[in-house]
Amino acid sequence: MADKAFSCSAPIPRISSLSIYMPEVDGIEAVATLKAEKSATKFIAISGGPLRSEGDPLPEALELGAGCIFGKPIDNKELLEASETLLGV
C-alpha cells in the first residue's frame, strides 16, 4: 500500500510521515523506495519501538533518506518544529 502512495495523479506532497511498522509493507523499505522515486518529498519516520531483532530501525530510516525520525510517544511541538525545519519555513 505505501509503495503505491504516489501512484495516483494527485500532486506530490512536500512532506510525509511514515510509520516503520505498517501492515502491508516495511516502513524502511517504503522510505527507501519513495525517497528514490520522489526525492523532493521530505519524510518523517515514526516508530513505536524496536521490534526487529537487529534493534531500533529509526537510524536506518535516517540513513535511507528520512529527513528526521521520531519514537512514540511523539511530542506535538517537536513534530511541528521538525516539519517546519524540513520545509524551510
Protein backbone atom coordinates (compact mmCIF):
# COMPACT_ATOMS: atom_id res chain seq x y z
CA MET A 1 0.00 0.00 0.00
CA ALA A 2 2.73 2.51 0.90
CA ASP A 3 4.60 1.59 -2.27
CA LYS A 4 1.55 2.87 -4.19
CA ALA A 5 1.27 6.09 -2.20
CA PHE A 6 2.33 8.32 -5.07
CA SER A 7 0.95 6.28 -7.95
CA CYS A 8 -2.18 8.41 -8.24
CA SER A 9 -2.39 11.65 -10.17
CA ALA A 10 -2.50 13.80 -7.02
CA PRO A 11 0.22 16.41 -6.53
CA ILE A 12 3.39 15.13 -4.86
CA PRO A 13 3.41 16.18 -1.19
CA ARG A 14 6.22 18.34 0.15
CA ILE A 15 6.30 16.32 3.37
CA SER A 16 5.01 12.94 4.55
CA SER A 17 5.17 10.85 7.71
CA LEU A 18 5.59 7.10 7.62
CA SER A 19 5.27 4.51 10.34
CA ILE A 20 8.09 1.99 10.36
CA TYR A 21 5.71 -0.85 11.21
CA MET A 22 2.81 -0.97 8.76
CA PRO A 23 0.53 -3.91 7.97
CA GLU A 24 1.47 -4.50 4.34
CA VAL A 25 4.97 -3.06 3.89
CA ASP A 26 8.05 -2.41 5.98
CA GLY A 27 8.45 1.33 6.59
CA ILE A 28 12.20 1.12 5.98
CA GLU A 29 11.53 -0.23 2.50
CA ALA A 30 8.86 2.43 1.94
CA VAL A 31 11.23 5.26 2.90
CA ALA A 32 13.92 3.97 0.55
CA THR A 33 11.51 3.37 -2.35
CA LEU A 34 9.57 6.60 -2.02
CA LYS A 35 12.70 8.67 -1.49
CA ALA A 36 14.23 7.19 -4.64
CA GLU A 37 11.08 7.81 -6.68
CA LYS A 38 10.09 11.21 -5.30
CA SER A 39 13.25 12.73 -3.89
CA ALA A 40 11.66 16.17 -3.45
CA THR A 41 9.33 14.83 -0.73
CA LYS A 42 10.66 15.13 2.81
CA PHE A 43 9.93 12.15 5.06
CA ILE A 44 9.46 11.82 8.80
CA ALA A 45 9.86 8.23 10.04
CA ILE A 46 7.95 7.22 13.17
CA SER A 47 8.30 4.07 15.27
CA GLY A 48 6.68 2.73 18.39
CA GLY A 49 9.79 0.81 19.35
CA PRO A 50 12.41 -1.66 18.22
CA LEU A 51 10.52 -4.81 17.26
CA ARG A 52 13.30 -6.03 14.98
CA SER A 53 15.96 -8.40 16.25
CA GLU A 54 18.56 -6.02 14.80
CA GLY A 55 17.44 -3.23 17.14
CA ASP A 56 15.99 0.22 16.59
CA PRO A 57 15.05 0.79 12.92
CA LEU A 58 14.93 4.60 13.11
CA PRO A 59 18.64 5.25 12.46
CA GLU A 60 18.37 3.10 9.32
CA ALA A 61 15.41 5.18 8.12
CA LEU A 62 17.53 8.30 8.58
CA GLU A 63 20.38 6.76 6.57
CA LEU A 64 17.95 5.86 3.76
CA GLY A 65 16.63 9.37 3.36
CA ALA A 66 14.14 10.22 6.09
CA GLY A 67 14.53 13.89 6.99
CA CYS A 68 14.00 13.18 10.68
CA ILE A 69 12.91 10.39 12.99
CA PHE A 70 10.62 10.13 16.00
CA GLY A 71 9.89 7.44 18.53
CA LYS A 72 6.48 7.23 20.13
CA PRO A 73 5.01 8.93 22.00
CA ILE A 74 5.56 11.98 19.81
CA ASP A 75 5.72 15.47 21.25
CA ASN A 76 3.46 17.57 19.01
CA LYS A 77 5.59 20.70 19.37
CA GLU A 78 8.75 18.81 18.35
CA LEU A 79 6.95 17.26 15.37
CA LEU A 80 5.72 20.67 14.23
CA GLU A 81 9.20 22.18 14.61
CA ALA A 82 10.79 19.33 12.67
CA SER A 83 8.18 19.67 9.92
CA GLU A 84 8.84 23.39 9.63
CA THR A 85 12.58 22.80 9.52
CA LEU A 86 12.25 20.20 6.76
CA LEU A 87 10.02 22.54 4.78
CA GLY A 88 12.31 25.51 5.33
CA VAL A 89 9.69 27.72 6.99
